[in-house]
Amino acid sequence: MANCNEFILDEVMAITAIPVSDISASDIDSPLNRLTPTIPAEEFNPTLDNAIVIGRQPATDEGVLVPIERSTGKAKDDTSDSVAGRLHTVSVNCEVDERGGEIWEPIATMSNVPCNLRLERTPHHLVLTFRDGKRGFVAATEDTYLCTIERDGAKVSLVFKIQNLMGIQLLV
């Protein structure tokens, strides 16, 4: 995976959505605000209590797990030279396994708001976990985050679009 280049990643195993408000200002001032393509993993320790993981295992005991359909996770990082600072548009999508039926219900210990509404209405940073074990971070703000949940018959898809100057930053 090349840094700072356009690339398509078809092997996303998990998407951890962390509310923007859960990452402290000190975290934002240090590794997340850099326009470098990599973040040292030891400097990246966000709180995951309110995280929603679209994947195979929860982030913590407090997080919510939304099962992902195997081999459906994809991420794409496109750049635009027409914007000063080289704007990146990161697109992440997957299909959700809804067989349990209760995955979008409110979790009493966390919030009375269902997961789908939290993803759609609250901006989240994304941590992407790839099949080869690498992880990437996508920083978002209220103005740059977009999540849509699409239903097509029995198929449910999650689509995230985030625009930033950093694209997908690798956690190393």
N, C-alpha and C. Protein backbone atom coordinates (compact mmCIF):
# COMPACT_ATOMS: atom_id res chain seq x y z
N MET A 1 0.84 -1.16 0.00
CA MET A 1 0.00 0.00 0.00
C MET A 1 0.89 1.23 0.00
N ALA A 2 0.77 2.05 -0.98
CA ALA A 2 1.61 3.24 -1.10
C ALA A 2 1.03 4.39 -0.30
N ASN A 3 1.90 5.19 0.29
CA ASN A 3 1.44 6.35 1.04
C ASN A 3 1.19 7.52 0.10
N CYS A 4 0.17 8.31 0.42
CA CYS A 4 -0.13 9.55 -0.31
C CYS A 4 -0.43 9.34 -1.79
N ASN A 5 -0.81 8.15 -2.18
CA ASN A 5 -1.21 7.91 -3.56
C ASN A 5 -2.67 7.51 -3.58
N GLU A 6 -3.28 7.60 -4.75
CA GLU A 6 -4.62 7.09 -4.89
C GLU A 6 -4.53 5.57 -4.81
N PHE A 7 -5.39 4.98 -4.02
CA PHE A 7 -5.39 3.52 -3.98
C PHE A 7 -6.77 3.02 -3.63
N ILE A 8 -7.01 1.77 -3.99
CA ILE A 8 -8.26 1.10 -3.68
C ILE A 8 -7.90 -0.06 -2.77
N LEU A 9 -8.64 -0.19 -1.68
CA LEU A 9 -8.40 -1.27 -0.74
C LEU A 9 -9.66 -2.12 -0.68
N ASP A 10 -9.55 -3.37 -1.13
CA ASP A 10 -10.72 -4.24 -1.20
C ASP A 10 -10.78 -5.25 -0.06
N GLU A 11 -9.96 -5.10 0.94
CA GLU A 11 -9.85 -6.12 1.97
C GLU A 11 -10.15 -5.58 3.35
N VAL A 12 -11.15 -4.75 3.50
CA VAL A 12 -11.50 -4.20 4.81
C VAL A 12 -12.24 -5.27 5.62
N MET A 13 -11.68 -5.60 6.80
CA MET A 13 -12.27 -6.62 7.67
C MET A 13 -13.14 -6.01 8.76
N ALA A 14 -12.80 -4.77 9.17
CA ALA A 14 -13.58 -4.12 10.22
C ALA A 14 -13.48 -2.62 10.06
N ILE A 15 -14.55 -1.94 10.42
CA ILE A 15 -14.61 -0.48 10.42
C ILE A 15 -15.01 -0.07 11.83
N THR A 16 -14.12 0.62 12.53
CA THR A 16 -14.43 1.11 13.87
C THR A 16 -14.77 2.58 13.76
N ALA A 17 -16.01 2.92 14.09
CA ALA A 17 -16.48 4.31 14.02
C ALA A 17 -16.40 4.89 15.43
N ILE A 18 -15.55 5.91 15.61
CA ILE A 18 -15.34 6.55 16.90
C ILE A 18 -15.93 7.95 16.82
N PRO A 19 -16.88 8.30 17.70
CA PRO A 19 -17.44 9.65 17.64
C PRO A 19 -16.34 10.71 17.70
N VAL A 20 -16.46 11.71 16.86
CA VAL A 20 -15.44 12.78 16.80
C VAL A 20 -15.22 13.38 18.19
N SER A 21 -16.28 13.50 18.97
CA SER A 21 -16.16 14.10 20.30
C SER A 21 -15.38 13.24 21.29
N ASP A 22 -15.16 11.96 20.98
CA ASP A 22 -14.45 11.06 21.89
C ASP A 22 -12.93 11.14 21.77
N ILE A 23 -12.43 11.81 20.74
CA ILE A 23 -10.98 11.94 20.59
C ILE A 23 -10.60 13.27 21.21
N SER A 24 -9.73 13.21 22.20
CA SER A 24 -9.39 14.42 22.97
C SER A 24 -8.62 15.42 22.14
N ALA A 25 -8.65 16.66 22.60
CA ALA A 25 -7.94 17.74 21.90
C ALA A 25 -6.45 17.46 21.86
N SER A 26 -5.90 16.84 22.91
CA SER A 26 -4.46 16.55 22.90
C SER A 26 -4.11 15.53 21.82
N ASP A 27 -5.01 14.58 21.58
CA ASP A 27 -4.79 13.62 20.50
C ASP A 27 -4.82 14.32 19.15
N ILE A 28 -5.77 15.25 18.99
CA ILE A 28 -5.90 15.95 17.71
C ILE A 28 -4.70 16.85 17.48
N ASP A 29 -4.18 17.45 18.54
CA ASP A 29 -3.03 18.34 18.39
C ASP A 29 -1.75 17.60 18.04
N SER A 30 -1.64 16.33 18.41
CA SER A 30 -0.40 15.63 18.10
C SER A 30 -0.49 14.81 16.82
N PRO A 31 -0.80 13.52 16.85
CA PRO A 31 -0.65 12.75 15.61
C PRO A 31 -1.72 12.96 14.57
N LEU A 32 -2.95 13.28 14.97
CA LEU A 32 -4.05 13.29 14.01
C LEU A 32 -4.06 14.51 13.11
N ASN A 33 -3.46 15.58 13.56
CA ASN A 33 -3.51 16.81 12.80
C ASN A 33 -2.36 16.94 11.81
N ARG A 34 -1.46 16.00 11.81
CA ARG A 34 -0.33 16.05 10.89
C ARG A 34 -0.78 15.68 9.48
N LEU A 35 -0.15 16.29 8.53
CA LEU A 35 -0.46 15.94 7.15
C LEU A 35 0.53 14.89 6.65
N THR A 36 0.85 13.95 7.52
CA THR A 36 1.75 12.85 7.15
C THR A 36 0.90 11.60 6.93
N PRO A 37 1.36 10.70 6.10
CA PRO A 37 0.55 9.53 5.77
C PRO A 37 0.56 8.43 6.82
N THR A 38 1.43 8.53 7.85
CA THR A 38 1.48 7.48 8.86
C THR A 38 1.40 8.08 10.25
N ILE A 39 0.82 7.31 11.17
CA ILE A 39 0.70 7.70 12.57
C ILE A 39 1.35 6.60 13.40
N PRO A 40 2.32 6.92 14.25
CA PRO A 40 2.89 5.88 15.13
C PRO A 40 1.79 5.32 16.04
N ALA A 41 1.63 4.00 16.06
CA ALA A 41 0.54 3.36 16.81
C ALA A 41 0.59 3.71 18.29
N GLU A 42 1.80 3.90 18.84
CA GLU A 42 1.89 4.20 20.27
C GLU A 42 1.34 5.59 20.60
N GLU A 43 1.22 6.46 19.61
CA GLU A 43 0.66 7.79 19.83
C GLU A 43 -0.85 7.82 19.59
N PHE A 44 -1.42 6.71 19.16
CA PHE A 44 -2.83 6.67 18.80
C PHE A 44 -3.57 5.75 19.76
N ASN A 45 -4.19 6.33 20.78
CA ASN A 45 -4.92 5.56 21.78
C ASN A 45 -6.29 6.18 22.05
N PRO A 46 -7.19 6.15 21.07
CA PRO A 46 -8.50 6.77 21.30
C PRO A 46 -9.35 5.94 22.26
N THR A 47 -10.29 6.60 22.92
CA THR A 47 -11.27 5.92 23.75
C THR A 47 -12.25 5.20 22.83
N LEU A 48 -12.52 3.93 23.14
CA LEU A 48 -13.41 3.16 22.26
C LEU A 48 -14.72 2.79 22.94
N ASP A 49 -15.02 3.42 24.09
CA ASP A 49 -16.24 3.06 24.83
C ASP A 49 -17.50 3.29 24.00
N ASN A 50 -17.55 4.33 23.21
CA ASN A 50 -18.74 4.65 22.42
C ASN A 50 -18.59 4.26 20.96
N ALA A 51 -17.59 3.43 20.67
CA ALA A 51 -17.34 3.04 19.29
C ALA A 51 -18.40 2.07 18.78
N ILE A 52 -18.63 2.13 17.48
CA ILE A 52 -19.46 1.14 16.80
C ILE A 52 -18.54 0.41 15.84
N VAL A 53 -18.42 -0.90 16.00
CA VAL A 53 -17.55 -1.68 15.14
C VAL A 53 -18.39 -2.45 14.15
N ILE A 54 -18.11 -2.23 12.88
CA ILE A 54 -18.72 -3.03 11.83
C ILE A 54 -17.67 -4.06 11.49
N GLY A 55 -17.81 -5.26 12.02
CA GLY A 55 -16.75 -6.25 11.87
C GLY A 55 -17.11 -7.55 12.55
N ARG A 56 -16.09 -8.23 13.09
CA ARG A 56 -16.27 -9.55 13.68
C ARG A 56 -16.17 -9.57 15.19
N GLN A 57 -15.56 -8.53 15.79
CA GLN A 57 -15.47 -8.50 17.25
C GLN A 57 -15.55 -7.06 17.73
N PRO A 58 -16.12 -6.85 18.95
CA PRO A 58 -16.27 -5.48 19.45
C PRO A 58 -14.93 -4.86 19.78
N ALA A 59 -14.89 -3.52 19.78
CA ALA A 59 -13.67 -2.80 20.10
C ALA A 59 -13.33 -2.95 21.58
N THR A 60 -14.32 -2.85 22.44
CA THR A 60 -14.16 -3.03 23.88
C THR A 60 -15.44 -3.67 24.39
N ASP A 61 -15.49 -3.90 25.68
CA ASP A 61 -16.72 -4.45 26.28
C ASP A 61 -17.88 -3.47 26.15
N GLU A 62 -17.57 -2.17 26.06
CA GLU A 62 -18.61 -1.15 26.00
C GLU A 62 -19.06 -0.87 24.56
N GLY A 63 -18.26 -1.21 23.59
CA GLY A 63 -18.59 -0.88 22.21
C GLY A 63 -19.73 -1.72 21.66
N VAL A 64 -20.24 -1.32 20.52
CA VAL A 64 -21.34 -2.03 19.85
C VAL A 64 -20.77 -2.74 18.63
N LEU A 65 -21.21 -3.96 18.39
CA LEU A 65 -20.76 -4.73 17.23
C LEU A 65 -21.88 -4.87 16.23
N VAL A 66 -21.59 -4.51 14.98
CA VAL A 66 -22.50 -4.71 13.86
C VAL A 66 -21.80 -5.69 12.92
N PRO A 67 -22.34 -6.90 12.73
CA PRO A 67 -21.64 -7.91 11.92
C PRO A 67 -21.52 -7.50 10.46
N ILE A 68 -20.33 -7.68 9.89
CA ILE A 68 -20.07 -7.35 8.49
C ILE A 68 -20.23 -8.63 7.66
N GLU A 69 -20.73 -8.50 6.46
CA GLU A 69 -20.75 -9.63 5.53
C GLU A 69 -19.33 -9.88 5.03
N ARG A 70 -18.93 -11.11 4.99
CA ARG A 70 -17.57 -11.45 4.56
C ARG A 70 -17.28 -10.93 3.15
N SER A 71 -16.06 -10.46 2.97
CA SER A 71 -15.54 -10.05 1.66
C SER A 71 -16.34 -8.93 1.01
N THR A 72 -17.00 -8.08 1.80
CA THR A 72 -17.73 -6.96 1.20
C THR A 72 -17.11 -5.61 1.54
N GLY A 73 -16.14 -5.56 2.46
CA GLY A 73 -15.56 -4.29 2.87
C GLY A 73 -14.60 -3.72 1.84
N LYS A 74 -14.83 -2.48 1.47
CA LYS A 74 -13.98 -1.82 0.48
C LYS A 74 -13.70 -0.39 0.95
N ALA A 75 -12.51 0.09 0.65
CA ALA A 75 -12.15 1.49 0.94
C ALA A 75 -11.44 2.06 -0.26
N LYS A 76 -11.68 3.33 -0.53
CA LYS A 76 -11.04 4.00 -1.67
C LYS A 76 -10.62 5.39 -1.22
N ASP A 77 -9.43 5.79 -1.61
CA ASP A 77 -8.89 7.10 -1.25
C ASP A 77 -8.54 7.81 -2.56
N ASP A 78 -9.39 8.77 -2.96
CA ASP A 78 -9.16 9.54 -4.19
C ASP A 78 -8.67 10.92 -3.82
N THR A 79 -7.80 11.47 -4.65
CA THR A 79 -7.30 12.83 -4.41
C THR A 79 -7.74 13.75 -5.53
N SER A 80 -7.82 15.04 -5.20
CA SER A 80 -8.18 16.06 -6.17
C SER A 80 -7.12 17.15 -6.12
N ASP A 81 -6.43 17.36 -7.22
CA ASP A 81 -5.40 18.40 -7.29
C ASP A 81 -6.00 19.78 -7.54
N SER A 82 -7.30 19.83 -7.82
CA SER A 82 -7.90 21.13 -8.13
C SER A 82 -8.18 21.95 -6.88
N VAL A 83 -7.98 21.36 -5.71
CA VAL A 83 -8.21 22.05 -4.45
C VAL A 83 -6.87 22.29 -3.78
N ALA A 84 -6.65 23.48 -3.27
CA ALA A 84 -5.40 23.77 -2.58
C ALA A 84 -5.25 22.82 -1.40
N GLY A 85 -4.10 22.18 -1.28
CA GLY A 85 -3.86 21.26 -0.20
C GLY A 85 -4.14 19.81 -0.56
N ARG A 86 -4.52 19.53 -1.79
CA ARG A 86 -4.75 18.17 -2.27
C ARG A 86 -5.84 17.46 -1.46
N LEU A 87 -7.08 17.77 -1.73
CA LEU A 87 -8.23 17.22 -1.03
C LEU A 87 -8.37 15.72 -1.31
N HIS A 88 -8.58 14.95 -0.25
CA HIS A 88 -8.84 13.51 -0.37
C HIS A 88 -10.32 13.26 -0.12
N THR A 89 -10.90 12.35 -0.89
CA THR A 89 -12.23 11.84 -0.63
C THR A 89 -12.09 10.36 -0.34
N VAL A 90 -12.36 9.98 0.90
CA VAL A 90 -12.25 8.58 1.31
C VAL A 90 -13.66 7.99 1.31
N SER A 91 -13.83 6.90 0.58
CA SER A 91 -15.11 6.18 0.54
C SER A 91 -14.90 4.80 1.14
N VAL A 92 -15.75 4.43 2.08
CA VAL A 92 -15.67 3.12 2.73
C VAL A 92 -17.07 2.53 2.68
N ASN A 93 -17.18 1.29 2.23
CA ASN A 93 -18.50 0.67 2.22
C ASN A 93 -18.42 -0.81 2.52
N CYS A 94 -19.53 -1.36 2.96
CA CYS A 94 -19.62 -2.79 3.25
C CYS A 94 -21.09 -3.18 3.32
N GLU A 95 -21.33 -4.47 3.35
CA GLU A 95 -22.68 -4.98 3.58
C GLU A 95 -22.76 -5.51 5.00
N VAL A 96 -23.93 -5.35 5.60
CA VAL A 96 -24.14 -5.72 7.00
C VAL A 96 -24.97 -6.99 7.07
N ASP A 97 -24.58 -7.89 7.97
CA ASP A 97 -25.33 -9.12 8.21
C ASP A 97 -26.44 -8.80 9.20
N GLU A 98 -27.68 -8.76 8.73
CA GLU A 98 -28.81 -8.38 9.57
C GLU A 98 -29.61 -9.57 10.06
N ARG A 99 -29.07 -10.75 9.99
CA ARG A 99 -29.86 -11.94 10.35
C ARG A 99 -30.35 -11.91 11.79
N GLY A 100 -29.58 -11.30 12.71
CA GLY A 100 -30.02 -11.21 14.10
C GLY A 100 -31.20 -10.28 14.26
N GLY A 101 -31.30 -9.24 13.45
CA GLY A 101 -32.43 -8.35 13.47
C GLY A 101 -32.36 -7.25 14.51
N GLU A 102 -31.64 -7.48 15.61
CA GLU A 102 -31.61 -6.49 16.69
C GLU A 102 -30.39 -5.59 16.63
N ILE A 103 -29.57 -5.69 15.61
CA ILE A 103 -28.31 -4.94 15.61
C ILE A 103 -28.51 -3.43 15.54
N TRP A 104 -29.63 -2.96 15.05
CA TRP A 104 -29.84 -1.51 14.98
C TRP A 104 -30.63 -0.98 16.18
N GLU A 105 -30.94 -1.84 17.14
CA GLU A 105 -31.72 -1.42 18.31
C GLU A 105 -30.85 -0.62 19.27
N PRO A 106 -31.46 0.25 20.08
CA PRO A 106 -30.68 0.99 21.08
C PRO A 106 -30.08 0.03 22.11
N ILE A 107 -28.87 0.31 22.56
CA ILE A 107 -28.22 -0.45 23.61
C ILE A 107 -28.42 0.35 24.90
N ALA A 108 -29.09 -0.23 25.89
CA ALA A 108 -29.46 0.52 27.09
C ALA A 108 -28.25 1.10 27.81
N THR A 109 -27.12 0.41 27.79
CA THR A 109 -25.96 0.89 28.53
C THR A 109 -25.26 2.05 27.84
N MET A 110 -25.54 2.26 26.58
CA MET A 110 -24.79 3.28 25.83
C MET A 110 -25.63 4.49 25.47
N SER A 111 -26.79 4.25 24.90
CA SER A 111 -27.56 5.36 24.36
C SER A 111 -28.95 4.85 24.02
N ASN A 112 -29.90 5.73 24.04
CA ASN A 112 -31.24 5.36 23.61
C ASN A 112 -31.43 5.56 22.12
N VAL A 113 -30.36 5.95 21.44
CA VAL A 113 -30.42 6.19 20.00
C VAL A 113 -29.90 4.96 19.27
N PRO A 114 -30.66 4.40 18.33
CA PRO A 114 -30.18 3.22 17.59
C PRO A 114 -28.87 3.49 16.85
N CYS A 115 -28.11 2.43 16.65
CA CYS A 115 -26.80 2.54 15.98
C CYS A 115 -26.89 3.19 14.62
N ASN A 116 -27.93 2.84 13.85
CA ASN A 116 -28.00 3.40 12.50
C ASN A 116 -28.18 4.92 12.54
N LEU A 117 -28.98 5.42 13.49
CA LEU A 117 -29.15 6.87 13.57
C LEU A 117 -27.89 7.54 14.10
N ARG A 118 -27.18 6.87 15.01
CA ARG A 118 -25.93 7.44 15.50
C ARG A 118 -24.90 7.55 14.38
N LEU A 119 -24.81 6.51 13.55
CA LEU A 119 -23.85 6.55 12.44
C LEU A 119 -24.23 7.62 11.43
N GLU A 120 -25.52 7.78 11.17
CA GLU A 120 -25.96 8.74 10.15
C GLU A 120 -25.93 10.18 10.63
N ARG A 121 -26.15 10.40 11.93
CA ARG A 121 -26.33 11.77 12.42
C ARG A 121 -25.18 12.31 13.26
N THR A 122 -24.28 11.46 13.71
CA THR A 122 -23.16 11.90 14.54
C THR A 122 -21.87 11.67 13.77
N PRO A 123 -21.01 12.68 13.61
CA PRO A 123 -19.77 12.46 12.87
C PRO A 123 -18.83 11.51 13.61
N HIS A 124 -18.22 10.62 12.86
CA HIS A 124 -17.30 9.62 13.41
C HIS A 124 -15.99 9.63 12.64
N HIS A 125 -14.87 9.48 13.36
CA HIS A 125 -13.60 9.12 12.74
C HIS A 125 -13.70 7.62 12.45
N LEU A 126 -12.94 7.12 11.48
CA LEU A 126 -12.95 5.70 11.16
C LEU A 126 -11.56 5.10 11.34
N VAL A 127 -11.52 3.93 11.97
CA VAL A 127 -10.30 3.12 12.00
C VAL A 127 -10.62 1.90 11.15
N LEU A 128 -9.84 1.69 10.09
CA LEU A 128 -10.06 0.58 9.17
C LEU A 128 -9.06 -0.52 9.48
N THR A 129 -9.54 -1.75 9.59
CA THR A 129 -8.67 -2.89 9.80
C THR A 129 -8.71 -3.73 8.53
N PHE A 130 -7.54 -3.97 7.95
CA PHE A 130 -7.45 -4.69 6.68
C PHE A 130 -7.11 -6.15 6.91
N ARG A 131 -7.40 -6.98 5.92
CA ARG A 131 -7.17 -8.43 6.02
C ARG A 131 -5.71 -8.75 6.33
N ASP A 132 -4.77 -7.95 5.85
CA ASP A 132 -3.35 -8.23 6.09
C ASP A 132 -2.86 -7.76 7.47
N GLY A 133 -3.79 -7.25 8.31
CA GLY A 133 -3.42 -6.83 9.66
C GLY A 133 -3.11 -5.35 9.79
N LYS A 134 -2.94 -4.64 8.67
CA LYS A 134 -2.68 -3.21 8.74
C LYS A 134 -3.93 -2.47 9.16
N ARG A 135 -3.71 -1.27 9.74
CA ARG A 135 -4.84 -0.43 10.13
C ARG A 135 -4.64 0.96 9.56
N GLY A 136 -5.74 1.61 9.24
CA GLY A 136 -5.70 2.97 8.72
C GLY A 136 -6.67 3.84 9.50
N PHE A 137 -6.37 5.13 9.57
CA PHE A 137 -7.22 6.08 10.29
C PHE A 137 -7.73 7.12 9.30
N VAL A 138 -9.02 7.45 9.39
CA VAL A 138 -9.63 8.47 8.55
C VAL A 138 -10.25 9.51 9.48
N ALA A 139 -9.66 10.71 9.50
CA ALA A 139 -10.14 11.79 10.36
C ALA A 139 -11.34 12.47 9.72
N ALA A 140 -12.32 12.84 10.56
CA ALA A 140 -13.53 13.49 10.08
C ALA A 140 -13.87 14.68 10.96
N THR A 141 -14.76 15.52 10.46
CA THR A 141 -15.33 16.61 11.25
C THR A 141 -16.84 16.59 10.99
N GLU A 142 -17.56 17.45 11.68
CA GLU A 142 -19.00 17.54 11.44
C GLU A 142 -19.31 17.89 10.00
N ASP A 143 -18.45 18.69 9.39
CA ASP A 143 -18.70 19.16 8.02
C ASP A 143 -18.24 18.20 6.94
N THR A 144 -17.37 17.25 7.28
CA THR A 144 -16.79 16.40 6.24
C THR A 144 -17.28 14.96 6.29
N TYR A 145 -18.09 14.60 7.29
CA TYR A 145 -18.52 13.22 7.50
C TYR A 145 -19.89 12.99 6.89
N LEU A 146 -20.04 11.88 6.18
CA LEU A 146 -21.34 11.48 5.63
C LEU A 146 -21.46 9.97 5.74
N CYS A 147 -22.56 9.51 6.32
CA CYS A 147 -22.83 8.07 6.38
C CYS A 147 -24.24 7.84 5.89
N THR A 148 -24.41 6.88 4.98
CA THR A 148 -25.75 6.50 4.53
C THR A 148 -25.91 4.99 4.68
N ILE A 149 -27.10 4.59 5.02
CA ILE A 149 -27.43 3.18 5.15
C ILE A 149 -28.47 2.89 4.08
N GLU A 150 -28.13 1.95 3.20
CA GLU A 150 -29.00 1.66 2.06
C GLU A 150 -29.58 0.26 2.21
N ARG A 151 -30.88 0.15 1.97
CA ARG A 151 -31.55 -1.15 2.00
C ARG A 151 -32.05 -1.47 0.60
N ASP A 152 -31.69 -2.65 0.14
CA ASP A 152 -32.13 -3.12 -1.17
C ASP A 152 -32.63 -4.55 -0.99
N GLY A 153 -33.90 -4.68 -0.68
CA GLY A 153 -34.44 -6.01 -0.39
C GLY A 153 -33.84 -6.53 0.90
N ALA A 154 -33.17 -7.68 0.82
CA ALA A 154 -32.57 -8.29 2.01
C ALA A 154 -31.17 -7.76 2.27
N LYS A 155 -30.64 -6.95 1.36
CA LYS A 155 -29.25 -6.47 1.49
C LYS A 155 -29.22 -5.10 2.15
N VAL A 156 -28.33 -4.95 3.14
CA VAL A 156 -28.15 -3.68 3.82
C VAL A 156 -26.70 -3.26 3.65
N SER A 157 -26.47 -2.05 3.14
CA SER A 157 -25.11 -1.56 2.90
C SER A 157 -24.87 -0.30 3.73
N LEU A 158 -23.65 -0.16 4.22
CA LEU A 158 -23.19 1.04 4.89
C LEU A 158 -22.22 1.74 3.97
N VAL A 159 -22.37 3.04 3.80
CA VAL A 159 -21.46 3.81 2.96
C VAL A 159 -21.01 5.04 3.74
N PHE A 160 -19.69 5.18 3.91
CA PHE A 160 -19.12 6.36 4.56
C PHE A 160 -18.37 7.15 3.51
N LYS A 161 -18.48 8.48 3.55
CA LYS A 161 -17.67 9.36 2.70
C LYS A 161 -17.13 10.46 3.60
N ILE A 162 -15.81 10.62 3.58
CA ILE A 162 -15.15 11.64 4.39
C ILE A 162 -14.17 12.38 3.50
N GLN A 163 -14.21 13.70 3.56
CA GLN A 163 -13.22 14.51 2.84
C GLN A 163 -12.29 15.14 3.85
N ASN A 164 -10.99 15.00 3.59
CA ASN A 164 -9.98 15.64 4.45
C ASN A 164 -8.71 15.84 3.64
N LEU A 165 -7.71 16.42 4.25
CA LEU A 165 -6.43 16.66 3.55
C LEU A 165 -5.46 15.51 3.74
N MET A 166 -5.79 14.53 4.60
CA MET A 166 -4.85 13.48 4.95
C MET A 166 -5.18 12.15 4.28
N GLY A 167 -6.41 11.95 3.85
CA GLY A 167 -6.79 10.67 3.28
C GLY A 167 -6.80 9.60 4.35
N ILE A 168 -6.43 8.38 3.96
CA ILE A 168 -6.29 7.28 4.91
C ILE A 168 -4.86 7.31 5.43
N GLN A 169 -4.70 7.52 6.73
CA GLN A 169 -3.38 7.52 7.33
C GLN A 169 -3.13 6.13 7.92
N LEU A 170 -1.96 5.58 7.62
CA LEU A 170 -1.64 4.24 8.14
C LEU A 170 -1.19 4.34 9.58
N LEU A 171 -1.63 3.38 10.40
CA LEU A 171 -1.15 3.27 11.78
C LEU A 171 -0.01 2.26 11.75
N VAL A 172 1.16 2.72 12.11
CA VAL A 172 2.34 1.82 12.07
C VAL A 172 2.97 1.70 13.44
